Structure formats: C-alpha cells, structure tokens
Amino acid sequence: MGEVARAAKLYRLFPKKGSVENVRKRMNSLGIAEADVFEQIGDAERCWLSQ
C-alpha cells in the first residue's frame, strides 16, 4: 500500500476523494498497471469496507 499512498501524497491530481474504481482508472491512464499495485488497492478497499 505504500506505493499507492506515496502516489496519492505526491501527485496532486490523484483522485483522493474518488472511489476505488476512480483510482484504478487513473492508475491505468498513467500506465501504472502492475498487478501488485491493484492488489494493494483491493486490499485497502476490503479493509475499509470491513470497518
């Protein structure tokens, strides 16, 4: 999750208030399509939903 968190902090156009799908779409548009990054996003979503 650290990689995603760093991107959110440093990149001013990162969809911080967007949905998980918005984050996935934005990362795809930037060419960041590594499976581990999307797995981290999914893990974070599941953790958040379990709260």
Protein backbone atom coordinates (compact mmCIF):
# COMPACT_ATOMS: atom_id res chain seq x y z
CA MET A 1 0.00 0.00 0.00
CA GLY A 2 2.98 2.28 0.48
CA GLU A 3 3.42 2.81 -3.25
CA VAL A 4 -0.20 3.89 -3.65
CA ALA A 5 -0.04 6.14 -0.58
CA ARG A 6 3.09 7.87 -1.88
CA ALA A 7 1.40 8.47 -5.24
CA ALA A 8 -1.64 9.94 -3.52
CA LYS A 9 0.53 12.26 -1.45
CA LEU A 10 2.83 13.45 -4.23
CA TYR A 11 0.55 13.60 -7.25
CA ARG A 12 -1.88 16.49 -6.92
CA LEU A 13 -4.33 15.04 -9.46
CA PHE A 14 -4.57 11.70 -7.68
CA PRO A 15 -8.28 11.02 -7.04
CA LYS A 16 -8.04 11.29 -3.25
CA LYS A 17 -11.78 11.66 -2.79
CA GLY A 18 -12.66 9.31 -5.62
CA SER A 19 -13.93 5.79 -5.49
CA VAL A 20 -11.70 2.75 -5.73
CA GLU A 21 -12.75 2.49 -9.37
CA ASN A 22 -11.65 6.12 -9.95
CA VAL A 23 -8.22 5.27 -8.53
CA ARG A 24 -7.93 2.17 -10.73
CA LYS A 25 -8.93 4.11 -13.85
CA ARG A 26 -6.47 6.91 -13.07
CA MET A 27 -3.62 4.48 -12.48
CA ASN A 28 -4.46 2.71 -15.75
CA SER A 29 -4.42 6.04 -17.60
CA LEU A 30 -0.96 6.76 -16.17
CA GLY A 31 0.33 3.40 -17.30
CA ILE A 32 0.59 2.05 -13.77
CA ALA A 33 -0.99 -1.32 -14.29
CA GLU A 34 1.18 -3.58 -12.18
CA ALA A 35 -0.81 -6.38 -10.57
CA ASP A 36 0.69 -5.78 -7.12
CA VAL A 37 -0.48 -2.16 -7.09
CA PHE A 38 -4.04 -3.17 -7.98
CA GLU A 39 -3.86 -5.92 -5.36
CA GLN A 40 -2.87 -3.32 -2.77
CA ILE A 41 -5.81 -1.13 -3.78
CA GLY A 42 -8.14 -4.12 -3.47
CA ASP A 43 -6.70 -4.98 -0.05
CA ALA A 44 -7.22 -1.40 1.14
CA GLU A 45 -10.79 -1.42 -0.17
CA ARG A 46 -11.60 -4.68 1.64
CA CYS A 47 -10.05 -3.36 4.85
CA TRP A 48 -12.03 -0.13 4.63
CA LEU A 49 -15.29 -1.95 3.89
CA SER A 50 -14.79 -4.24 6.89
CA GLN A 51 -14.72 -1.28 9.28
